[in-house]
Amino acid sequence: AVVVTNYLWRPLLPRIVEAVAPGGFLFYETFALGQASVGKPSNPDFLLRPGELLDAVRPVLRVLAFEDGFVQAPHPAYVQRIAAVREAPNASAADRYNLSI
């Protein structure tokens, strides 16, 4: 699995997505636009635009869950989070839709 938290360097994002091995997962959460109203980071270069993380992942990985909004805890923040999988070649339907992983 590839896990990324509180990090955004847009030139690296495609390489992070490509690093997920067949059958592997990506879990990514970082700050989004709106964050400047509640704290740091406030530089828009380090804040995801609406749906940006989803758009970056979707061409390569199958999205299992996506959230884009405001969280109150552990501290107020605007975030985007995604859980996605790179399906293994020749995965059966039972593998593809197995929610017991």
C-alpha atoms as a PDB file:
ATOM      1  CA  ALA A   1       0.000   0.000   0.000  1.00  0.00           C
ATOM      2  CA  VAL A   2       0.989   3.600  -0.568  1.00  0.00           C
ATOM      3  CA  VAL A   3      -0.035   5.970   2.240  1.00  0.00           C
ATOM      4  CA  VAL A   4       0.250   9.764   1.983  1.00  0.00           C
ATOM      5  CA  THR A   5      -0.908  12.251   4.618  1.00  0.00           C
ATOM      6  CA  ASN A   6      -0.720  16.046   4.690  1.00  0.00           C
ATOM      7  CA  TYR A   7       1.515  16.264   1.615  1.00  0.00           C
ATOM      8  CA  LEU A   8       0.975  17.765  -1.830  1.00  0.00           C
ATOM      9  CA  TRP A   9       3.592  18.332  -4.489  1.00  0.00           C
ATOM     10  CA  ARG A  10       1.612  18.236  -7.717  1.00  0.00           C
ATOM     11  CA  PRO A  11       4.539  17.204  -9.980  1.00  0.00           C
ATOM     12  CA  LEU A  12       4.929  14.056  -7.851  1.00  0.00           C
ATOM     13  CA  LEU A  13       1.250  13.077  -7.765  1.00  0.00           C
ATOM     14  CA  PRO A  14       1.246  11.006 -11.001  1.00  0.00           C
ATOM     15  CA  ARG A  15       4.313   9.080  -9.807  1.00  0.00           C
ATOM     16  CA  ILE A  16       2.651   8.351  -6.465  1.00  0.00           C
ATOM     17  CA  VAL A  17      -0.397   6.939  -8.267  1.00  0.00           C
ATOM     18  CA  GLU A  18       1.789   4.891 -10.626  1.00  0.00           C
ATOM     19  CA  ALA A  19       3.733   3.478  -7.648  1.00  0.00           C
ATOM     20  CA  VAL A  20       0.730   1.431  -6.534  1.00  0.00           C
ATOM     21  CA  ALA A  21       1.435  -2.201  -7.448  1.00  0.00           C
ATOM     22  CA  PRO A  22      -1.201  -4.448  -9.044  1.00  0.00           C
ATOM     23  CA  GLY A  23      -3.507  -5.555  -6.246  1.00  0.00           C
ATOM     24  CA  GLY A  24      -2.176  -2.704  -4.077  1.00  0.00           C
ATOM     25  CA  PHE A  25      -3.936   0.205  -2.429  1.00  0.00           C
ATOM     26  CA  LEU A  26      -3.528   3.976  -2.205  1.00  0.00           C
ATOM     27  CA  PHE A  27      -4.673   5.876   0.875  1.00  0.00           C
ATOM     28  CA  TYR A  28      -4.189   9.627   0.490  1.00  0.00           C
ATOM     29  CA  GLU A  29      -5.363  12.549   2.632  1.00  0.00           C
ATOM     30  CA  THR A  30      -4.260  16.155   2.480  1.00  0.00           C
ATOM     31  CA  PHE A  31      -5.519  19.701   2.776  1.00  0.00           C
ATOM     32  CA  ALA A  32      -7.951  21.304   0.346  1.00  0.00           C
ATOM     33  CA  LEU A  33      -9.061  24.784  -0.635  1.00  0.00           C
ATOM     34  CA  GLY A  34     -10.833  26.452   2.267  1.00  0.00           C
ATOM     35  CA  GLN A  35      -8.061  25.472   4.683  1.00  0.00           C
ATOM     36  CA  ALA A  36      -6.748  29.044   4.827  1.00  0.00           C
ATOM     37  CA  SER A  37      -9.935  30.045   6.677  1.00  0.00           C
ATOM     38  CA  VAL A  38      -9.143  27.706   9.589  1.00  0.00           C
ATOM     39  CA  GLY A  39      -5.341  27.466   9.678  1.00  0.00           C
ATOM     40  CA  LYS A  40      -2.193  26.367   7.896  1.00  0.00           C
ATOM     41  CA  PRO A  41      -1.274  25.511   5.239  1.00  0.00           C
ATOM     42  CA  SER A  42      -2.779  28.513   3.527  1.00  0.00           C
ATOM     43  CA  ASN A  43      -0.707  28.645   0.324  1.00  0.00           C
ATOM     44  CA  PRO A  44      -3.020  27.540  -2.523  1.00  0.00           C
ATOM     45  CA  ASP A  45      -0.062  25.751  -4.138  1.00  0.00           C
ATOM     46  CA  PHE A  46      -0.368  23.196  -1.329  1.00  0.00           C
ATOM     47  CA  LEU A  47      -4.167  22.924  -1.243  1.00  0.00           C
ATOM     48  CA  LEU A  48      -6.150  20.591  -3.479  1.00  0.00           C
ATOM     49  CA  ARG A  49      -8.808  22.068  -5.732  1.00  0.00           C
ATOM     50  CA  PRO A  50     -12.322  20.540  -5.617  1.00  0.00           C
ATOM     51  CA  GLY A  51     -12.181  16.972  -6.941  1.00  0.00           C
ATOM     52  CA  GLU A  52      -8.492  17.254  -7.842  1.00  0.00           C
ATOM     53  CA  LEU A  53      -7.393  14.138  -5.983  1.00  0.00           C
ATOM     54  CA  LEU A  54     -10.233  12.123  -7.500  1.00  0.00           C
ATOM     55  CA  ASP A  55      -9.305  13.306 -10.993  1.00  0.00           C
ATOM     56  CA  ALA A  56      -5.631  12.415 -10.466  1.00  0.00           C
ATOM     57  CA  VAL A  57      -6.360   8.874  -9.307  1.00  0.00           C
ATOM     58  CA  ARG A  58      -9.350   7.790 -11.390  1.00  0.00           C
ATOM     59  CA  PRO A  59      -7.601   7.159 -14.737  1.00  0.00           C
ATOM     60  CA  VAL A  60      -5.283   4.549 -13.166  1.00  0.00           C
ATOM     61  CA  LEU A  61      -6.909   3.190 -10.002  1.00  0.00           C
ATOM     62  CA  ARG A  62     -10.404   2.070  -9.019  1.00  0.00           C
ATOM     63  CA  VAL A  63     -11.753   4.430  -6.371  1.00  0.00           C
ATOM     64  CA  LEU A  64     -13.195   2.702  -3.317  1.00  0.00           C
ATOM     65  CA  ALA A  65     -13.993   5.844  -1.293  1.00  0.00           C
ATOM     66  CA  PHE A  66     -13.569   9.603  -1.701  1.00  0.00           C
ATOM     67  CA  GLU A  67     -14.336  12.541   0.587  1.00  0.00           C
ATOM     68  CA  ASP A  68     -13.907  16.253  -0.027  1.00  0.00           C
ATOM     69  CA  GLY A  69     -14.952  18.565   2.773  1.00  0.00           C
ATOM     70  CA  PHE A  70     -14.574  19.902   6.299  1.00  0.00           C
ATOM     71  CA  VAL A  71     -13.586  17.879   9.379  1.00  0.00           C
ATOM     72  CA  GLN A  72     -13.858  19.148  12.944  1.00  0.00           C
ATOM     73  CA  ALA A  73     -11.488  16.664  14.620  1.00  0.00           C
ATOM     74  CA  PRO A  74      -8.723  16.154  15.507  1.00  0.00           C
ATOM     75  CA  HIS A  75      -8.526  19.828  14.434  1.00  0.00           C
ATOM     76  CA  PRO A  76     -10.661  21.877  12.039  1.00  0.00           C
ATOM     77  CA  ALA A  77      -9.478  21.313   8.467  1.00  0.00           C
ATOM     78  CA  TYR A  78     -10.605  21.166   4.869  1.00  0.00           C
ATOM     79  CA  VAL A  79      -9.389  17.879   3.401  1.00  0.00           C
ATOM     80  CA  GLN A  80      -9.665  15.466   0.540  1.00  0.00           C
ATOM     81  CA  ARG A  81      -9.214  11.750   1.189  1.00  0.00           C
ATOM     82  CA  ILE A  82      -9.236   8.796  -1.121  1.00  0.00           C
ATOM     83  CA  ALA A  83      -8.917   5.032  -0.911  1.00  0.00           C
ATOM     84  CA  ALA A  84      -8.227   3.310  -4.221  1.00  0.00           C
ATOM     85  CA  VAL A  85      -6.923   0.016  -5.582  1.00  0.00           C
ATOM     86  CA  ARG A  86      -4.942  -0.950  -8.663  1.00  0.00           C
ATOM     87  CA  GLU A  87      -6.750  -4.042  -9.789  1.00  0.00           C
ATOM     88  CA  ALA A  88      -4.579  -7.049 -10.467  1.00  0.00           C
ATOM     89  CA  PRO A  89      -4.488  -8.217 -14.080  1.00  0.00           C
ATOM     90  CA  ASN A  90      -7.104 -10.892 -14.765  1.00  0.00           C
ATOM     91  CA  ALA A  91      -8.832 -10.268 -11.424  1.00  0.00           C
ATOM     92  CA  SER A  92     -12.092 -12.187 -11.152  1.00  0.00           C
ATOM     93  CA  ALA A  93     -15.360 -10.469 -10.329  1.00  0.00           C
ATOM     94  CA  ALA A  94     -15.164 -12.046  -6.854  1.00  0.00           C
ATOM     95  CA  ASP A  95     -11.749 -10.434  -6.360  1.00  0.00           C
ATOM     96  CA  ARG A  96     -12.811  -7.116  -7.823  1.00  0.00           C
ATOM     97  CA  TYR A  97     -15.849  -6.680  -5.623  1.00  0.00           C
ATOM     98  CA  ASN A  98     -14.638  -8.440  -2.472  1.00  0.00           C
ATOM     99  CA  LEU A  99     -15.365  -6.039   0.372  1.00  0.00           C
ATOM    100  CA  SER A 100     -13.937  -8.452   2.955  1.00  0.00           C
ATOM    101  CA  ILE A 101     -10.317  -7.542   2.237  1.00  0.00           C
END
